[in-house]
PDB file of N, CA and C in Angstrom:
ATOM      1  N   MET A   1       0.854  -1.177   0.000  1.00  0.00           N
ATOM      2  CA  MET A   1       0.000   0.000   0.000  1.00  0.00           C
ATOM      3  C   MET A   1       0.896   1.236   0.000  1.00  0.00           C
ATOM      4  N   THR A   2       0.639   2.149  -0.914  1.00  0.00           N
ATOM      5  CA  THR A   2       1.363   3.414  -0.997  1.00  0.00           C
ATOM      6  C   THR A   2       0.459   4.519  -0.470  1.00  0.00           C
ATOM      7  N   LYS A   3       1.035   5.376   0.381  1.00  0.00           N
ATOM      8  CA  LYS A   3       0.264   6.465   0.989  1.00  0.00           C
ATOM      9  C   LYS A   3       0.931   7.791   0.679  1.00  0.00           C
ATOM     10  N   ALA A   4       0.102   8.835   0.607  1.00  0.00           N
ATOM     11  CA  ALA A   4       0.619  10.179   0.394  1.00  0.00           C
ATOM     12  C   ALA A   4      -0.332  11.188   1.019  1.00  0.00           C
ATOM     13  N   PHE A   5       0.249  12.328   1.346  1.00  0.00           N
ATOM     14  CA  PHE A   5      -0.540  13.483   1.756  1.00  0.00           C
ATOM     15  C   PHE A   5      -0.401  14.510   0.642  1.00  0.00           C
ATOM     16  N   VAL A   6      -1.523  15.072   0.219  1.00  0.00           N
ATOM     17  CA  VAL A   6      -1.499  16.067  -0.846  1.00  0.00           C
ATOM     18  C   VAL A   6      -1.991  17.391  -0.275  1.00  0.00           C
ATOM     19  N   ALA A   7      -1.104  18.385  -0.324  1.00  0.00           N
ATOM     20  CA  ALA A   7      -1.454  19.740   0.104  1.00  0.00           C
ATOM     21  C   ALA A   7      -2.016  20.471  -1.111  1.00  0.00           C
ATOM     22  N   ILE A   8      -3.166  21.085  -0.942  1.00  0.00           N
ATOM     23  CA  ILE A   8      -3.903  21.675  -2.060  1.00  0.00           C
ATOM     24  C   ILE A   8      -4.165  23.151  -1.809  1.00  0.00           C
ATOM     25  N   HIS A   9      -3.803  23.965  -2.782  1.00  0.00           N
ATOM     26  CA  HIS A   9      -4.132  25.387  -2.749  1.00  0.00           C
ATOM     27  C   HIS A   9      -5.293  25.587  -3.714  1.00  0.00           C
ATOM     28  N   CYS A  10      -6.358  26.224  -3.240  1.00  0.00           N
ATOM     29  CA  CYS A  10      -7.533  26.409  -4.102  1.00  0.00           C
ATOM     30  C   CYS A  10      -7.965  27.878  -4.104  1.00  0.00           C
ATOM     31  N   GLU A  11      -8.914  28.173  -4.954  1.00  0.00           N
ATOM     32  CA  GLU A  11      -9.433  29.531  -5.055  1.00  0.00           C
ATOM     33  C   GLU A  11     -10.077  29.946  -3.725  1.00  0.00           C
ATOM     34  N   THR A  12      -9.885  31.182  -3.350  1.00  0.00           N
ATOM     35  CA  THR A  12     -10.451  31.715  -2.118  1.00  0.00           C
ATOM     36  C   THR A  12     -11.970  31.592  -2.138  1.00  0.00           C
ATOM     37  N   GLY A  13     -12.508  31.075  -1.042  1.00  0.00           N
ATOM     38  CA  GLY A  13     -13.953  30.917  -0.917  1.00  0.00           C
ATOM     39  C   GLY A  13     -14.488  29.616  -1.475  1.00  0.00           C
ATOM     40  N   LYS A  14     -13.656  28.813  -2.088  1.00  0.00           N
ATOM     41  CA  LYS A  14     -14.091  27.549  -2.705  1.00  0.00           C
ATOM     42  C   LYS A  14     -13.615  26.329  -1.920  1.00  0.00           C
ATOM     43  N   GLU A  15     -13.053  26.548  -0.733  1.00  0.00           N
ATOM     44  CA  GLU A  15     -12.472  25.464   0.041  1.00  0.00           C
ATOM     45  C   GLU A  15     -13.476  24.344   0.346  1.00  0.00           C
ATOM     46  N   SER A  16     -14.657  24.694   0.800  1.00  0.00           N
ATOM     47  CA  SER A  16     -15.662  23.683   1.144  1.00  0.00           C
ATOM     48  C   SER A  16     -16.068  22.859  -0.069  1.00  0.00           C
ATOM     49  N   GLN A  17     -16.217  23.509  -1.204  1.00  0.00           N
ATOM     50  CA  GLN A  17     -16.587  22.820  -2.432  1.00  0.00           C
ATOM     51  C   GLN A  17     -15.470  21.854  -2.850  1.00  0.00           C
ATOM     52  N   VAL A  18     -14.228  22.291  -2.749  1.00  0.00           N
ATOM     53  CA  VAL A  18     -13.085  21.444  -3.101  1.00  0.00           C
ATOM     54  C   VAL A  18     -13.015  20.252  -2.152  1.00  0.00           C
ATOM     55  N   ILE A  19     -13.196  20.484  -0.859  1.00  0.00           N
ATOM     56  CA  ILE A  19     -13.166  19.385   0.115  1.00  0.00           C
ATOM     57  C   ILE A  19     -14.224  18.352  -0.218  1.00  0.00           C
ATOM     58  N   ARG A  20     -15.448  18.775  -0.485  1.00  0.00           N
ATOM     59  CA  ARG A  20     -16.522  17.834  -0.809  1.00  0.00           C
ATOM     60  C   ARG A  20     -16.194  17.030  -2.068  1.00  0.00           C
ATOM     61  N   SER A  21     -15.667  17.681  -3.076  1.00  0.00           N
ATOM     62  CA  SER A  21     -15.332  16.999  -4.329  1.00  0.00           C
ATOM     63  C   SER A  21     -14.213  15.983  -4.130  1.00  0.00           C
ATOM     64  N   ILE A  22     -13.202  16.337  -3.376  1.00  0.00           N
ATOM     65  CA  ILE A  22     -12.064  15.432  -3.175  1.00  0.00           C
ATOM     66  C   ILE A  22     -12.461  14.237  -2.318  1.00  0.00           C
ATOM     67  N   MET A  23     -13.367  14.432  -1.379  1.00  0.00           N
ATOM     68  CA  MET A  23     -13.820  13.322  -0.534  1.00  0.00           C
ATOM     69  C   MET A  23     -14.485  12.216  -1.351  1.00  0.00           C
ATOM     70  N   GLU A  24     -15.009  12.534  -2.521  1.00  0.00           N
ATOM     71  CA  GLU A  24     -15.695  11.554  -3.355  1.00  0.00           C
ATOM     72  C   GLU A  24     -14.752  10.713  -4.214  1.00  0.00           C
ATOM     73  N   ILE A  25     -13.469  11.057  -4.252  1.00  0.00           N
ATOM     74  CA  ILE A  25     -12.512  10.353  -5.103  1.00  0.00           C
ATOM     75  C   ILE A  25     -12.089   9.050  -4.431  1.00  0.00           C
ATOM     76  N   LYS A  26     -12.119   7.958  -5.193  1.00  0.00           N
ATOM     77  CA  LYS A  26     -11.710   6.653  -4.674  1.00  0.00           C
ATOM     78  C   LYS A  26     -10.226   6.696  -4.309  1.00  0.00           C
ATOM     79  N   GLY A  27      -9.901   6.203  -3.127  1.00  0.00           N
ATOM     80  CA  GLY A  27      -8.528   6.210  -2.642  1.00  0.00           C
ATOM     81  C   GLY A  27      -8.265   7.312  -1.641  1.00  0.00           C
ATOM     82  N   VAL A  28      -9.121   8.315  -1.599  1.00  0.00           N
ATOM     83  CA  VAL A  28      -8.974   9.407  -0.633  1.00  0.00           C
ATOM     84  C   VAL A  28      -9.557   8.928   0.693  1.00  0.00           C
ATOM     85  N   LYS A  29      -8.721   8.948   1.724  1.00  0.00           N
ATOM     86  CA  LYS A  29      -9.124   8.439   3.034  1.00  0.00           C
ATOM     87  C   LYS A  29      -9.556   9.536   3.995  1.00  0.00           C
ATOM     88  N   GLU A  30      -9.004  10.721   3.827  1.00  0.00           N
ATOM     89  CA  GLU A  30      -9.328  11.826   4.736  1.00  0.00           C
ATOM     90  C   GLU A  30      -9.032  13.142   4.036  1.00  0.00           C
ATOM     91  N   VAL A  31      -9.862  14.136   4.290  1.00  0.00           N
ATOM     92  CA  VAL A  31      -9.659  15.481   3.729  1.00  0.00           C
ATOM     93  C   VAL A  31      -9.985  16.489   4.824  1.00  0.00           C
ATOM     94  N   ILE A  32      -9.063  17.425   5.038  1.00  0.00           N
ATOM     95  CA  ILE A  32      -9.298  18.453   6.056  1.00  0.00           C
ATOM     96  C   ILE A  32      -8.886  19.812   5.533  1.00  0.00           C
ATOM     97  N   GLY A  33      -9.580  20.836   5.985  1.00  0.00           N
ATOM     98  CA  GLY A  33      -9.212  22.206   5.668  1.00  0.00           C
ATOM     99  C   GLY A  33      -8.161  22.682   6.653  1.00  0.00           C
ATOM    100  N   VAL A  34      -7.199  23.441   6.176  1.00  0.00           N
ATOM    101  CA  VAL A  34      -6.128  23.966   7.027  1.00  0.00           C
ATOM    102  C   VAL A  34      -5.904  25.443   6.717  1.00  0.00           C
ATOM    103  N   LEU A  35      -5.210  26.123   7.604  1.00  0.00           N
ATOM    104  CA  LEU A  35      -4.843  27.516   7.398  1.00  0.00           C
ATOM    105  C   LEU A  35      -3.365  27.590   7.084  1.00  0.00           C
ATOM    106  N   GLY A  36      -2.991  28.471   6.187  1.00  0.00           N
ATOM    107  CA  GLY A  36      -1.595  28.634   5.830  1.00  0.00           C
ATOM    108  C   GLY A  36      -1.428  28.733   4.324  1.00  0.00           C
ATOM    109  N   LEU A  37      -0.266  28.331   3.832  1.00  0.00           N
ATOM    110  CA  LEU A  37       0.032  28.399   2.402  1.00  0.00           C
ATOM    111  C   LEU A  37      -0.928  27.533   1.590  1.00  0.00           C
ATOM    112  N   TYR A  38      -1.324  26.391   2.160  1.00  0.00           N
ATOM    113  CA  TYR A  38      -2.279  25.500   1.498  1.00  0.00           C
ATOM    114  C   TYR A  38      -3.605  25.565   2.239  1.00  0.00           C
ATOM    115  N   ASP A  39      -4.668  25.185   1.540  1.00  0.00           N
ATOM    116  CA  ASP A  39      -6.013  25.292   2.093  1.00  0.00           C
ATOM    117  C   ASP A  39      -6.609  23.962   2.521  1.00  0.00           C
ATOM    118  N   VAL A  40      -6.147  22.883   1.891  1.00  0.00           N
ATOM    119  CA  VAL A  40      -6.721  21.556   2.108  1.00  0.00           C
ATOM    120  C   VAL A  40      -5.585  20.538   2.118  1.00  0.00           C
ATOM    121  N   ILE A  41      -5.706  19.532   2.996  1.00  0.00           N
ATOM    122  CA  ILE A  41      -4.782  18.406   3.009  1.00  0.00           C
ATOM    123  C   ILE A  41      -5.616  17.141   2.812  1.00  0.00           C
ATOM    124  N   ALA A  42      -5.182  16.294   1.864  1.00  0.00           N
ATOM    125  CA  ALA A  42      -5.872  15.031   1.606  1.00  0.00           C
ATOM    126  C   ALA A  42      -4.922  13.869   1.844  1.00  0.00           C
ATOM    127  N   LYS A  43      -5.403  12.849   2.545  1.00  0.00           N
ATOM    128  CA  LYS A  43      -4.641  11.614   2.725  1.00  0.00           C
ATOM    129  C   LYS A  43      -5.152  10.625   1.691  1.00  0.00           C
ATOM    130  N   ILE A  44      -4.226  10.089   0.899  1.00  0.00           N
ATOM    131  CA  ILE A  44      -4.594   9.193  -0.197  1.00  0.00           C
ATOM    132  C   ILE A  44      -3.838   7.881  -0.057  1.00  0.00           C
ATOM    133  N   GLU A  45      -4.528   6.769  -0.315  1.00  0.00           N
ATOM    134  CA  GLU A  45      -3.909   5.450  -0.304  1.00  0.00           C
ATOM    135  C   GLU A  45      -4.218   4.742  -1.612  1.00  0.00           C
ATOM    136  N   ALA A  46      -3.210   4.048  -2.152  1.00  0.00           N
ATOM    137  CA  ALA A  46      -3.383   3.285  -3.393  1.00  0.00           C
ATOM    138  C   ALA A  46      -2.534   2.028  -3.301  1.00  0.00           C
ATOM    139  N   GLN A  47      -2.837   1.056  -4.159  1.00  0.00           N
ATOM    140  CA  GLN A  47      -2.113  -0.215  -4.088  1.00  0.00           C
ATOM    141  C   GLN A  47      -0.646  -0.084  -4.463  1.00  0.00           C
ATOM    142  N   ASP A  48      -0.308   0.907  -5.293  1.00  0.00           N
ATOM    143  CA  ASP A  48       1.095   1.155  -5.633  1.00  0.00           C
ATOM    144  C   ASP A  48       1.263   2.588  -6.124  1.00  0.00           C
ATOM    145  N   SER A  49       2.502   2.971  -6.409  1.00  0.00           N
ATOM    146  CA  SER A  49       2.790   4.354  -6.787  1.00  0.00           C
ATOM    147  C   SER A  49       2.179   4.748  -8.127  1.00  0.00           C
ATOM    148  N   VAL A  50       1.972   3.787  -9.018  1.00  0.00           N
ATOM    149  CA  VAL A  50       1.355   4.083 -10.313  1.00  0.00           C
ATOM    150  C   VAL A  50      -0.091   4.536 -10.114  1.00  0.00           C
ATOM    151  N   PHE A  51      -0.849   3.794  -9.313  1.00  0.00           N
ATOM    152  CA  PHE A  51      -2.239   4.168  -9.046  1.00  0.00           C
ATOM    153  C   PHE A  51      -2.317   5.462  -8.243  1.00  0.00           C
ATOM    154  N   LEU A  52      -1.384   5.639  -7.316  1.00  0.00           N
ATOM    155  CA  LEU A  52      -1.349   6.880  -6.541  1.00  0.00           C
ATOM    156  C   LEU A  52      -1.173   8.082  -7.463  1.00  0.00           C
ATOM    157  N   GLU A  53      -0.240   7.974  -8.392  1.00  0.00           N
ATOM    158  CA  GLU A  53      -0.009   9.060  -9.349  1.00  0.00           C
ATOM    159  C   GLU A  53      -1.257   9.340 -10.183  1.00  0.00           C
ATOM    160  N   GLN A  54      -1.954   8.283 -10.598  1.00  0.00           N
ATOM    161  CA  GLN A  54      -3.171   8.463 -11.393  1.00  0.00           C
ATOM    162  C   GLN A  54      -4.262   9.171 -10.601  1.00  0.00           C
ATOM    163  N   ILE A  55      -4.432   8.801  -9.341  1.00  0.00           N
ATOM    164  CA  ILE A  55      -5.444   9.455  -8.503  1.00  0.00           C
ATOM    165  C   ILE A  55      -5.166  10.950  -8.414  1.00  0.00           C
ATOM    166  N   ILE A  56      -3.900  11.289  -8.197  1.00  0.00           N
ATOM    167  CA  ILE A  56      -3.542  12.697  -8.025  1.00  0.00           C
ATOM    168  C   ILE A  56      -3.650  13.467  -9.331  1.00  0.00           C
ATOM    169  N   THR A  57      -3.068  12.929 -10.410  1.00  0.00           N
ATOM    170  CA  THR A  57      -3.029  13.687 -11.666  1.00  0.00           C
ATOM    171  C   THR A  57      -4.352  13.683 -12.424  1.00  0.00           C
ATOM    172  N   LYS A  58      -5.079  12.579 -12.390  1.00  0.00           N
ATOM    173  CA  LYS A  58      -6.321  12.493 -13.165  1.00  0.00           C
ATOM    174  C   LYS A  58      -7.559  12.954 -12.421  1.00  0.00           C
ATOM    175  N   TYR A  59      -7.491  12.974 -11.089  1.00  0.00           N
ATOM    176  CA  TYR A  59      -8.687  13.322 -10.325  1.00  0.00           C
ATOM    177  C   TYR A  59      -8.496  14.529  -9.413  1.00  0.00           C
ATOM    178  N   VAL A  60      -7.554  14.466  -8.477  1.00  0.00           N
ATOM    179  CA  VAL A  60      -7.394  15.558  -7.509  1.00  0.00           C
ATOM    180  C   VAL A  60      -7.074  16.867  -8.218  1.00  0.00           C
ATOM    181  N   ARG A  61      -6.099  16.861  -9.098  1.00  0.00           N
ATOM    182  CA  ARG A  61      -5.685  18.101  -9.767  1.00  0.00           C
ATOM    183  C   ARG A  61      -6.731  18.637 -10.734  1.00  0.00           C
ATOM    184  N   LYS A  62      -7.689  17.806 -11.118  1.00  0.00           N
ATOM    185  CA  LYS A  62      -8.725  18.246 -12.062  1.00  0.00           C
ATOM    186  C   LYS A  62      -9.996  18.724 -11.369  1.00  0.00           C
ATOM    187  N   VAL A  63     -10.018  18.674 -10.047  1.00  0.00           N
ATOM    188  CA  VAL A  63     -11.179  19.180  -9.308  1.00  0.00           C
ATOM    189  C   VAL A  63     -11.297  20.677  -9.585  1.00  0.00           C
ATOM    190  N   PRO A  64     -12.500  21.148  -9.919  1.00  0.00           N
ATOM    191  CA  PRO A  64     -12.661  22.583 -10.146  1.00  0.00           C
ATOM    192  C   PRO A  64     -12.194  23.410  -8.956  1.00  0.00           C
ATOM    193  N   HIS A  65     -11.532  24.517  -9.232  1.00  0.00           N
ATOM    194  CA  HIS A  65     -11.049  25.492  -8.256  1.00  0.00           C
ATOM    195  C   HIS A  65      -9.738  25.096  -7.573  1.00  0.00           C
ATOM    196  N   VAL A  66      -9.156  23.919  -7.915  1.00  0.00           N
ATOM    197  CA  VAL A  66      -7.833  23.564  -7.397  1.00  0.00           C
ATOM    198  C   VAL A  66      -6.793  24.302  -8.243  1.00  0.00           C
ATOM    199  N   LEU A  67      -5.918  25.045  -7.576  1.00  0.00           N
ATOM    200  CA  LEU A  67      -4.905  25.820  -8.285  1.00  0.00           C
ATOM    201  C   LEU A  67      -3.551  25.097  -8.334  1.00  0.00           C
ATOM    202  N   THR A  68      -3.073  24.618  -7.184  1.00  0.00           N
ATOM    203  CA  THR A  68      -1.806  23.906  -7.128  1.00  0.00           C
ATOM    204  C   THR A  68      -1.872  22.797  -6.096  1.00  0.00           C
ATOM    205  N   THR A  69      -0.972  21.816  -6.243  1.00  0.00           N
ATOM    206  CA  THR A  69      -0.857  20.746  -5.265  1.00  0.00           C
ATOM    207  C   THR A  69       0.605  20.481  -4.964  1.00  0.00           C
ATOM    208  N   MET A  70       0.844  19.909  -3.795  1.00  0.00           N
ATOM    209  CA  MET A  70       2.171  19.432  -3.418  1.00  0.00           C
ATOM    210  C   MET A  70       1.975  18.063  -2.776  1.00  0.00           C
ATOM    211  N   THR A  71       2.623  17.054  -3.342  1.00  0.00           N
ATOM    212  CA  THR A  71       2.447  15.691  -2.865  1.00  0.00           C
ATOM    213  C   THR A  71       3.613  15.281  -1.974  1.00  0.00           C
ATOM    214  N   LEU A  72       3.273  14.716  -0.821  1.00  0.00           N
ATOM    215  CA  LEU A  72       4.249  14.203   0.118  1.00  0.00           C
ATOM    216  C   LEU A  72       3.997  12.695   0.251  1.00  0.00           C
ATOM    217  N   ILE A  73       4.891  11.886  -0.330  1.00  0.00           N
ATOM    218  CA  ILE A  73       4.724  10.433  -0.300  1.00  0.00           C
ATOM    219  C   ILE A  73       5.306   9.894   1.005  1.00  0.00           C
ATOM    220  N   VAL A  74       4.538   9.049   1.682  1.00  0.00           N
ATOM    221  CA  VAL A  74       4.956   8.462   2.948  1.00  0.00           C
ATOM    222  C   VAL A  74       5.988   7.372   2.664  1.00  0.00           C
ATOM    223  N   ILE A  75       7.094   7.395   3.444  1.00  0.00           N
ATOM    224  CA  ILE A  75       8.138   6.374   3.233  1.00  0.00           C
ATOM    225  C   ILE A  75       8.094   5.314   4.315  1.00  0.00           C
TER     226      ILE A  75
END
Protein backbone atom coordinates (compact mmCIF):
# COMPACT_ATOMS: atom_id res chain seq x y z
CA MET A 1 0.00 0.00 0.00
CA THR A 2 1.36 3.41 -1.00
CA LYS A 3 0.26 6.47 0.99
CA ALA A 4 0.62 10.18 0.39
CA PHE A 5 -0.54 13.48 1.76
CA VAL A 6 -1.50 16.07 -0.85
CA ALA A 7 -1.45 19.74 0.10
CA ILE A 8 -3.90 21.68 -2.06
CA HIS A 9 -4.13 25.39 -2.75
CA CYS A 10 -7.53 26.41 -4.10
CA GLU A 11 -9.43 29.53 -5.06
CA THR A 12 -10.45 31.72 -2.12
CA GLY A 13 -13.95 30.92 -0.92
CA LYS A 14 -14.09 27.55 -2.70
CA GLU A 15 -12.47 25.46 0.04
CA SER A 16 -15.66 23.68 1.14
CA GLN A 17 -16.59 22.82 -2.43
CA VAL A 18 -13.09 21.44 -3.10
CA ILE A 19 -13.17 19.39 0.12
CA ARG A 20 -16.52 17.83 -0.81
CA SER A 21 -15.33 17.00 -4.33
CA ILE A 22 -12.06 15.43 -3.18
CA MET A 23 -13.82 13.32 -0.53
CA GLU A 24 -15.70 11.55 -3.35
CA ILE A 25 -12.51 10.35 -5.10
CA LYS A 26 -11.71 6.65 -4.67
CA GLY A 27 -8.53 6.21 -2.64
CA VAL A 28 -8.97 9.41 -0.63
CA LYS A 29 -9.12 8.44 3.03
CA GLU A 30 -9.33 11.83 4.74
CA VAL A 31 -9.66 15.48 3.73
CA ILE A 32 -9.30 18.45 6.06
CA GLY A 33 -9.21 22.21 5.67
CA VAL A 34 -6.13 23.97 7.03
CA LEU A 35 -4.84 27.52 7.40
CA GLY A 36 -1.59 28.63 5.83
CA LEU A 37 0.03 28.40 2.40
CA TYR A 38 -2.28 25.50 1.50
CA ASP A 39 -6.01 25.29 2.09
CA VAL A 40 -6.72 21.56 2.11
CA ILE A 41 -4.78 18.41 3.01
CA ALA A 42 -5.87 15.03 1.61
CA LYS A 43 -4.64 11.61 2.73
CA ILE A 44 -4.59 9.19 -0.20
CA GLU A 45 -3.91 5.45 -0.30
CA ALA A 46 -3.38 3.29 -3.39
CA GLN A 47 -2.11 -0.21 -4.09
CA ASP A 48 1.10 1.16 -5.63
CA SER A 49 2.79 4.35 -6.79
CA VAL A 50 1.36 4.08 -10.31
CA PHE A 51 -2.24 4.17 -9.05
CA LEU A 52 -1.35 6.88 -6.54
CA GLU A 53 -0.01 9.06 -9.35
CA GLN A 54 -3.17 8.46 -11.39
CA ILE A 55 -5.44 9.46 -8.50
CA ILE A 56 -3.54 12.70 -8.03
CA THR A 57 -3.03 13.69 -11.67
CA LYS A 58 -6.32 12.49 -13.17
CA TYR A 59 -8.69 13.32 -10.33
CA VAL A 60 -7.39 15.56 -7.51
CA ARG A 61 -5.68 18.10 -9.77
CA LYS A 62 -8.73 18.25 -12.06
CA VAL A 63 -11.18 19.18 -9.31
CA PRO A 64 -12.66 22.58 -10.15
CA HIS A 65 -11.05 25.49 -8.26
CA VAL A 66 -7.83 23.56 -7.40
CA LEU A 67 -4.90 25.82 -8.28
CA THR A 68 -1.81 23.91 -7.13
CA THR A 69 -0.86 20.75 -5.26
CA MET A 70 2.17 19.43 -3.42
CA THR A 71 2.45 15.69 -2.86
CA LEU A 72 4.25 14.20 0.12
CA ILE A 73 4.72 10.43 -0.30
CA VAL A 74 4.96 8.46 2.95
CA ILE A 75 8.14 6.37 3.23
